[in-house]
Amino acid sequence: MPPERWSDPEAVQRAAEVLGDGARTDAPLGALTTSRVGGPAAVAFIANGPDDLQRVQEARAASCLEILVVGRGSNLLIADRGFEGIALHLGDAYARIELDRSDATVTAGASVALPVLARQCAAAGIGGLEWAVGVPGSIGGAVRMNAGGHGSDMASCLIDVDIVDLDELGAPPQSEQMPLGALGLGYRRSNLGDRHLVVSARLSGHRAPPETVTDRITDIVRWRRENQPGGQNAGSVFMNPPTDSAGAQIDRAGLRGLRIGTAEVSRLHANFIVSDPGGAAADVAALMAEVRRRVTESTGIVLQPEIRMVGFGPAPMLA
């Protein structure tokens, strides 16, 4: 897409110049998410260490553009017009896993995929993290939203995290260790802001026979294949209300299979929206709003989105 699509192309250019050769303008973004819909990022950059993160800080200061940290692209819906900011990806330097079998602890970089973490723990005889095999996200994103499933979540196994403040300018940034209690983890939430970049996390498990952990992982993978859709989707669309699951509320409203344009409520699991190949993010957003409206109308419960919606303007679900 040409730079004229952005409201401040000069700011985009300034950011790209500060980031240097590693910067890509009008870079694919929506196509890299698990829903595979949505437009590009004005600028994209892969960071592989503190020097790169310093450039990101300087680019933000020079351009006043927003930074979006992109992990595995799950639980993320990018608007069709794209994201007018800097899409920050963490590279291989943040994909290391260190396993300590003696006390069943794990240190994982922010870009480590949760299924990879779960399987490496199983091979090492570390249990307690099997649930992570069913979450298609990264460590950094999982900390930020307290991801979970199958009766567990990050809060149940997290010890501490290393954080970089993207607003602090100066020498190459140093990470600050933040203990579990300071993160304010709750159901699909934390008190981390956009300025806080998770670079690594330390988690605790328990020692267990590798075959026992592997069997549990196999059961979780089988359950997901039987009960959740594949294809283009961003995972669970709405958070569960206190008294019931969001999927059950949507199902009772008779909304399985409801379609708007290129987006459809999954017939396998009602809290998933599946996009057609070549689909539009606007259709997903419109379907989310319609599902929410009909559930509120029939039950009085106002579902809250679990998916982060980027580039849609303020309060997109209230439209």
Protein backbone atom coordinates (compact mmCIF):
# COMPACT_ATOMS: atom_id res chain seq x y z
CA MET A 1 0.00 0.00 0.00
CA PRO A 2 1.30 3.50 -0.72
CA PRO A 3 2.34 5.70 2.22
CA GLU A 4 -0.49 8.13 1.35
CA ARG A 5 -2.85 5.77 3.15
CA TRP A 6 -1.46 7.11 6.44
CA SER A 7 -2.59 10.41 7.91
CA ASP A 8 0.99 11.46 8.76
CA PRO A 9 3.35 9.95 6.18
CA GLU A 10 6.17 12.19 7.40
CA ALA A 11 5.96 10.64 10.87
CA VAL A 12 6.07 7.19 9.29
CA GLN A 13 9.16 8.19 7.34
CA ARG A 14 10.87 9.59 10.44
CA ALA A 15 10.28 6.35 12.31
CA ALA A 16 11.63 4.28 9.44
CA GLU A 17 14.76 6.44 9.18
CA VAL A 18 15.52 6.10 12.88
CA LEU A 19 15.00 2.33 12.80
CA GLY A 20 17.34 2.01 9.85
CA ASP A 21 17.81 -0.86 7.43
CA GLY A 22 15.69 -3.27 9.47
CA ALA A 23 12.55 -1.17 9.10
CA ARG A 24 9.84 -2.15 6.63
CA THR A 25 7.13 0.30 5.65
CA ASP A 26 3.59 -0.70 4.67
CA ALA A 27 4.47 -4.15 5.97
CA PRO A 28 2.01 -7.06 6.13
CA LEU A 29 0.41 -7.28 9.56
CA GLY A 30 -3.14 -8.60 9.41
CA ALA A 31 -1.93 -11.45 7.23
CA LEU A 32 0.46 -12.49 10.02
CA THR A 33 -2.28 -12.89 12.62
CA THR A 34 -4.14 -16.16 13.16
CA SER A 35 -7.30 -14.62 11.67
CA ARG A 36 -5.28 -13.61 8.58
CA VAL A 37 -7.43 -10.57 7.84
CA GLY A 38 -6.65 -6.88 8.10
CA GLY A 39 -4.25 -4.37 6.63
CA PRO A 40 -0.54 -3.52 6.97
CA ALA A 41 1.51 -1.74 9.59
CA ALA A 42 2.90 1.66 8.71
CA VAL A 43 6.29 0.43 9.95
CA ALA A 44 7.44 -3.00 11.11
CA PHE A 45 10.67 -3.87 12.89
CA ILE A 46 12.22 -7.00 14.37
CA ALA A 47 14.23 -6.43 17.56
CA ASN A 48 17.02 -8.79 18.52
CA GLY A 49 18.50 -7.16 21.58
CA PRO A 50 18.81 -3.98 23.68
CA ASP A 51 20.37 -1.90 20.88
CA ASP A 52 17.38 -2.62 18.66
CA LEU A 53 14.98 -1.76 21.47
CA GLN A 54 16.80 1.55 21.94
CA ARG A 55 16.15 2.34 18.27
CA VAL A 56 12.48 1.54 18.79
CA GLN A 57 12.36 3.96 21.72
CA GLU A 58 14.04 6.66 19.65
CA ALA A 59 11.73 6.04 16.68
CA ARG A 60 8.71 6.40 18.91
CA ALA A 61 10.04 9.68 20.33
CA ALA A 62 10.87 11.04 16.86
CA SER A 63 7.54 10.13 15.29
CA CYS A 64 5.01 10.00 18.16
CA LEU A 65 3.69 6.81 16.55
CA GLU A 66 2.09 4.12 18.68
CA ILE A 67 3.94 0.84 19.18
CA LEU A 68 2.14 -2.48 18.85
CA VAL A 69 4.02 -5.51 20.12
CA VAL A 70 3.08 -8.45 17.91
CA GLY A 71 3.72 -11.97 19.16
CA ARG A 72 2.16 -14.96 17.45
CA GLY A 73 -0.73 -12.85 16.17
CA SER A 74 -3.47 -14.64 18.11
CA ASN A 75 -6.24 -12.75 19.94
CA LEU A 76 -5.53 -9.82 17.62
CA LEU A 77 -7.76 -8.28 14.95
CA ILE A 78 -6.22 -5.63 12.67
CA ALA A 79 -8.53 -3.24 10.84
CA ASP A 80 -8.61 -3.43 7.04
CA ARG A 81 -6.99 0.01 6.75
CA GLY A 82 -4.10 -1.26 8.86
CA PHE A 83 -2.22 0.06 11.88
CA GLU A 84 -0.69 3.53 11.70
CA GLY A 85 2.21 2.84 14.01
CA ILE A 86 5.25 0.67 14.62
CA ALA A 87 4.62 -3.08 14.72
CA LEU A 88 7.37 -4.49 16.93
CA HIS A 89 8.29 -8.15 16.57
CA LEU A 90 10.77 -9.82 18.92
CA GLY A 91 13.27 -11.99 17.07
CA ASP A 92 15.27 -15.11 17.80
CA ALA A 93 17.22 -13.43 20.60
CA TYR A 94 14.00 -13.57 22.62
CA ALA A 95 13.12 -17.17 21.74
CA ARG A 96 15.42 -19.00 24.15
CA ILE A 97 14.20 -21.57 26.67
CA GLU A 98 16.22 -22.56 29.75
CA LEU A 99 14.97 -25.59 31.70
CA ASP A 100 16.08 -26.37 35.26
CA ARG A 101 15.02 -29.95 35.98
CA SER A 102 16.29 -29.83 39.57
CA ASP A 103 13.56 -27.43 40.72
CA ALA A 104 11.24 -27.68 37.69
CA THR A 105 11.57 -24.04 36.70
CA VAL A 106 11.65 -22.59 33.20
CA THR A 107 12.96 -19.28 31.86
CA ALA A 108 11.51 -18.43 28.46
CA GLY A 109 11.97 -15.47 26.14
CA ALA A 110 8.94 -13.41 25.22
CA SER A 111 8.73 -14.69 21.65
CA VAL A 112 8.65 -18.37 22.64
CA ALA A 113 5.47 -20.05 21.39
CA LEU A 114 3.45 -21.58 24.22
CA PRO A 115 2.98 -24.96 22.48
CA VAL A 116 6.76 -25.19 22.01
CA LEU A 117 7.28 -24.42 25.69
CA ALA A 118 4.78 -27.08 26.76
CA ARG A 119 6.40 -29.79 24.63
CA GLN A 120 9.94 -28.97 25.73
CA CYS A 121 8.84 -29.09 29.36
CA ALA A 122 7.24 -32.48 28.76
CA ALA A 123 10.43 -33.85 27.24
CA ALA A 124 12.35 -32.59 30.27
CA GLY A 125 9.95 -34.14 32.77
CA ILE A 126 8.47 -30.84 33.94
CA GLY A 127 4.71 -30.89 34.46
CA GLY A 128 2.19 -28.17 35.22
CA LEU A 129 2.49 -26.33 31.91
CA GLU A 130 0.63 -28.82 29.72
CA TRP A 131 -2.27 -26.36 29.32
CA ALA A 132 0.01 -24.08 27.28
CA VAL A 133 0.02 -26.50 24.34
CA GLY A 134 -3.53 -25.40 23.55
CA VAL A 135 -2.81 -21.65 23.47
CA PRO A 136 -1.49 -20.40 20.10
CA GLY A 137 0.29 -17.38 21.55
CA SER A 138 3.69 -16.30 22.84
CA ILE A 139 5.07 -15.96 26.35
CA GLY A 140 4.98 -12.16 26.18
CA GLY A 141 1.37 -11.99 25.07
CA ALA A 142 0.37 -14.69 27.55
CA VAL A 143 1.77 -12.65 30.45
CA ARG A 144 0.08 -9.48 29.27
CA MET A 145 -3.40 -11.04 29.08
CA ASN A 146 -2.92 -13.82 31.65
CA ALA A 147 -3.67 -16.41 29.01
CA GLY A 148 -4.90 -19.80 30.09
CA GLY A 149 -7.01 -22.82 29.43
CA HIS A 150 -7.83 -26.32 30.62
CA GLY A 151 -8.08 -25.24 34.25
CA SER A 152 -4.89 -23.20 34.49
CA ASP A 153 -3.33 -19.92 33.41
CA MET A 154 -0.14 -17.87 33.57
CA ALA A 155 -0.91 -16.60 37.07
CA SER A 156 -0.85 -20.16 38.40
CA CYS A 157 2.72 -20.85 37.24
CA LEU A 158 4.44 -17.48 36.83
CA ILE A 159 7.27 -16.51 39.19
CA ASP A 160 8.43 -13.20 37.71
CA VAL A 161 9.00 -11.41 34.41
CA ASP A 162 11.62 -9.11 32.93
CA ILE A 163 10.18 -5.86 31.56
CA VAL A 164 11.61 -3.07 29.41
CA ASP A 165 9.95 0.36 29.58
CA LEU A 166 9.64 1.59 25.99
CA ASP A 167 9.09 5.17 27.18
CA GLU A 168 12.52 5.47 28.83
CA LEU A 169 15.10 6.99 26.50
CA GLY A 170 18.85 6.79 26.99
CA ALA A 171 21.45 4.06 26.92
CA PRO A 172 20.42 0.62 25.61
CA PRO A 173 17.53 -0.27 27.90
CA GLN A 174 18.00 -2.66 30.77
CA SER A 175 15.19 -4.95 31.81
CA GLU A 176 13.60 -4.69 35.23
CA GLN A 177 12.42 -7.77 37.10
CA MET A 178 8.79 -7.61 38.14
CA PRO A 179 7.40 -10.21 40.57
CA LEU A 180 4.07 -11.93 40.03
CA GLY A 181 2.33 -9.84 42.69
CA ALA A 182 3.14 -6.59 40.89
CA LEU A 183 1.54 -7.66 37.62
CA GLY A 184 -2.06 -7.50 38.79
CA LEU A 185 -3.02 -10.63 36.89
CA GLY A 186 -6.72 -11.39 36.73
CA TYR A 187 -9.02 -13.09 34.28
CA ARG A 188 -7.52 -12.22 30.88
CA ARG A 189 -5.92 -9.04 32.21
CA SER A 190 -2.83 -7.50 33.79
CA ASN A 191 -1.81 -4.01 34.80
CA LEU A 192 0.87 -3.85 32.10
CA GLY A 193 0.49 -0.87 29.79
CA ASP A 194 1.55 -0.35 26.18
CA ARG A 195 4.88 1.04 27.39
CA HIS A 196 5.76 -2.25 29.13
CA LEU A 197 7.53 -4.80 26.95
CA VAL A 198 7.84 -8.31 28.38
CA VAL A 199 11.20 -9.74 27.32
CA SER A 200 11.25 -12.96 29.37
CA ALA A 201 9.38 -14.85 32.06
CA ARG A 202 10.28 -17.39 34.74
CA LEU A 203 7.73 -20.10 35.45
CA SER A 204 7.42 -22.95 37.91
CA GLY A 205 6.18 -26.47 37.31
CA HIS A 206 6.69 -29.78 39.04
CA ARG A 207 8.78 -32.83 38.32
CA ALA A 208 6.88 -35.60 36.58
CA PRO A 209 7.58 -38.57 34.30
CA PRO A 210 7.89 -37.30 30.72
CA GLU A 211 5.40 -39.87 29.46
CA THR A 212 2.78 -38.65 31.96
CA VAL A 213 3.16 -35.04 30.84
CA THR A 214 3.17 -36.06 27.17
CA ASP A 215 -0.05 -38.05 27.61
CA ARG A 216 -1.74 -35.01 29.13
CA ILE A 217 -0.58 -32.86 26.21
CA THR A 218 -1.94 -35.44 23.76
CA ASP A 219 -5.32 -35.32 25.50
CA ILE A 220 -5.45 -31.52 25.32
CA VAL A 221 -4.52 -31.46 21.63
CA ARG A 222 -7.17 -34.10 20.87
CA TRP A 223 -9.84 -32.15 22.78
CA ARG A 224 -9.05 -28.96 20.91
CA ARG A 225 -9.23 -30.65 17.53
CA GLU A 226 -12.60 -32.14 18.40
CA ASN A 227 -14.12 -29.04 20.01
CA GLN A 228 -12.56 -25.94 18.45
CA PRO A 229 -12.38 -24.88 14.81
CA GLY A 230 -9.29 -24.64 12.68
CA GLY A 231 -8.92 -22.19 9.84
CA GLN A 232 -8.72 -18.43 10.10
CA ASN A 233 -9.76 -17.33 13.57
CA ALA A 234 -8.38 -15.29 16.47
CA GLY A 235 -9.31 -17.74 19.22
CA SER A 236 -11.99 -17.07 21.81
CA VAL A 237 -13.81 -13.90 20.81
CA PHE A 238 -15.44 -12.95 24.11
CA MET A 239 -14.42 -13.36 27.74
CA ASN A 240 -16.57 -15.65 29.85
CA PRO A 241 -19.07 -13.81 32.06
CA PRO A 242 -18.93 -14.69 35.79
CA THR A 243 -21.78 -17.19 35.75
CA ASP A 244 -21.41 -19.00 32.43
CA SER A 245 -19.26 -19.42 29.35
CA ALA A 246 -19.51 -16.94 26.50
CA GLY A 247 -19.89 -19.82 24.06
CA ALA A 248 -22.93 -21.14 25.94
CA GLN A 249 -24.56 -17.69 25.93
CA ILE A 250 -24.01 -17.31 22.19
CA ASP A 251 -25.28 -20.83 21.58
CA ARG A 252 -28.48 -20.25 23.57
CA ALA A 253 -29.14 -17.17 21.45
CA GLY A 254 -29.11 -19.48 18.41
CA LEU A 255 -26.16 -17.79 16.76
CA ARG A 256 -24.04 -20.72 15.57
CA GLY A 257 -23.52 -20.30 11.86
CA LEU A 258 -24.57 -16.64 11.87
CA ARG A 259 -22.74 -14.93 9.01
CA ILE A 260 -21.94 -11.38 8.00
CA GLY A 261 -20.06 -11.12 4.74
CA THR A 262 -16.87 -13.19 4.96
CA ALA A 263 -17.13 -13.96 8.69
CA GLU A 264 -19.15 -16.71 10.40
CA VAL A 265 -19.78 -17.81 13.97
CA SER A 266 -18.23 -21.26 14.16
CA ARG A 267 -20.63 -24.19 14.02
CA LEU A 268 -18.20 -26.18 16.18
CA HIS A 269 -17.69 -23.65 18.98
CA ALA A 270 -19.90 -20.58 19.21
CA ASN A 271 -17.24 -18.35 20.81
CA PHE A 272 -15.09 -18.50 17.67
CA ILE A 273 -15.51 -16.46 14.51
CA VAL A 274 -13.98 -17.95 11.38
CA SER A 275 -13.00 -15.82 8.39
CA ASP A 276 -13.11 -16.88 4.76
CA PRO A 277 -9.84 -16.81 2.79
CA GLY A 278 -9.45 -13.26 1.54
CA GLY A 279 -11.97 -12.07 4.12
CA ALA A 280 -12.38 -8.64 5.70
CA ALA A 281 -11.67 -7.58 9.27
CA ALA A 282 -14.68 -5.28 9.03
CA ASP A 283 -16.91 -8.34 8.66
CA VAL A 284 -15.41 -9.92 11.79
CA ALA A 285 -15.92 -6.70 13.75
CA ALA A 286 -19.50 -6.34 12.51
CA LEU A 287 -20.28 -9.93 13.43
CA MET A 288 -18.77 -9.46 16.90
CA ALA A 289 -20.99 -6.42 17.43
CA GLU A 290 -24.09 -8.26 16.21
CA VAL A 291 -23.43 -11.29 18.42
CA ARG A 292 -22.91 -9.04 21.39
CA ARG A 293 -26.12 -7.12 20.65
CA ARG A 294 -28.24 -10.25 20.31
CA VAL A 295 -26.83 -11.89 23.46
CA THR A 296 -27.49 -8.70 25.44
CA GLU A 297 -31.00 -8.54 24.01
CA SER A 298 -31.81 -12.13 24.93
CA THR A 299 -30.00 -12.48 28.26
CA GLY A 300 -29.11 -9.02 29.55
CA ILE A 301 -25.43 -10.05 29.66
CA VAL A 302 -23.02 -7.70 27.89
CA LEU A 303 -20.16 -9.79 26.52
CA GLN A 304 -16.72 -8.21 26.62
CA PRO A 305 -14.24 -8.89 23.80
CA GLU A 306 -11.18 -10.98 24.55
CA ILE A 307 -9.74 -10.12 21.14
CA ARG A 308 -7.68 -6.93 20.94
CA MET A 309 -9.02 -4.76 18.12
CA VAL A 310 -6.40 -2.51 16.51
CA GLY A 311 -6.98 0.31 14.06
CA PHE A 312 -10.77 0.46 14.41
CA GLY A 313 -10.88 3.73 16.29
CA PRO A 314 -12.08 4.30 19.87
CA ALA A 315 -14.51 1.82 21.47
CA PRO A 316 -15.22 -0.19 18.28
CA MET A 317 -17.60 -2.58 20.05
CA LEU A 318 -19.85 0.28 21.11
CA ALA A 319 -20.65 1.26 17.52
